[in-house]
Amino acid sequence: MAKTSKKDVRLGLPPKSYWHLYSLQNLASDKLARVVNKVLKNEYRLVK
């Protein structure tokens, strides 16, 4: 009997658009620079 291959259908998480100040401390420098640029362009929001 042959197995039928079924792909898992997973719903991806929506992109993160709200950032807490403490979560920015753990980011690598290149990722931090991208997030800060998007915050300055009002694409992301900071939660204090």
Protein backbone atom coordinates (compact mmCIF):
# COMPACT_ATOMS: atom_id res chain seq x y z
CA MET A 1 0.00 0.00 0.00
CA ALA A 2 1.51 3.30 -1.09
CA LYS A 3 1.46 6.27 1.25
CA THR A 4 -0.21 9.39 0.04
CA SER A 5 1.94 12.43 0.60
CA LYS A 6 -0.02 15.27 2.06
CA LYS A 7 1.61 18.61 2.61
CA ASP A 8 1.03 20.34 5.90
CA VAL A 9 -0.99 23.46 5.44
CA ARG A 10 0.33 25.94 7.97
CA LEU A 11 -0.85 29.44 8.38
CA GLY A 12 2.06 31.82 8.67
CA LEU A 13 2.15 34.51 11.26
CA PRO A 14 1.46 38.03 10.08
CA PRO A 15 4.48 40.29 9.87
CA LYS A 16 5.38 41.88 13.17
CA SER A 17 4.43 45.54 13.07
CA TYR A 18 4.56 46.45 16.79
CA TRP A 19 7.90 46.32 18.60
CA HIS A 20 8.56 46.57 22.32
CA LEU A 21 11.72 48.38 23.37
CA TYR A 22 13.00 45.33 25.26
CA SER A 23 12.68 43.07 22.21
CA LEU A 24 14.94 45.41 20.23
CA GLN A 25 17.78 44.76 22.68
CA ASN A 26 18.15 41.16 21.50
CA LEU A 27 18.34 41.89 17.77
CA ALA A 28 21.47 41.68 15.67
CA SER A 29 22.79 45.05 14.50
CA ASP A 30 21.67 44.65 10.87
CA LYS A 31 18.15 43.61 11.89
CA LEU A 32 18.01 46.45 14.43
CA ALA A 33 18.95 48.97 11.73
CA ARG A 34 16.17 47.70 9.45
CA VAL A 35 13.58 47.86 12.23
CA VAL A 36 14.64 51.38 13.29
CA ASN A 37 14.45 52.60 9.69
CA LYS A 38 10.91 51.24 9.38
CA VAL A 39 9.93 52.84 12.70
CA LEU A 40 11.18 56.18 11.41
CA LYS A 41 9.14 55.70 8.22
CA ASN A 42 6.04 54.90 10.37
CA GLU A 43 5.78 51.36 8.97
CA TYR A 44 6.34 49.86 12.44
CA ARG A 45 5.17 51.09 15.82
CA LEU A 46 7.00 51.13 19.15
CA VAL A 47 5.25 49.98 22.32
CA LYS A 48 6.62 51.61 25.43
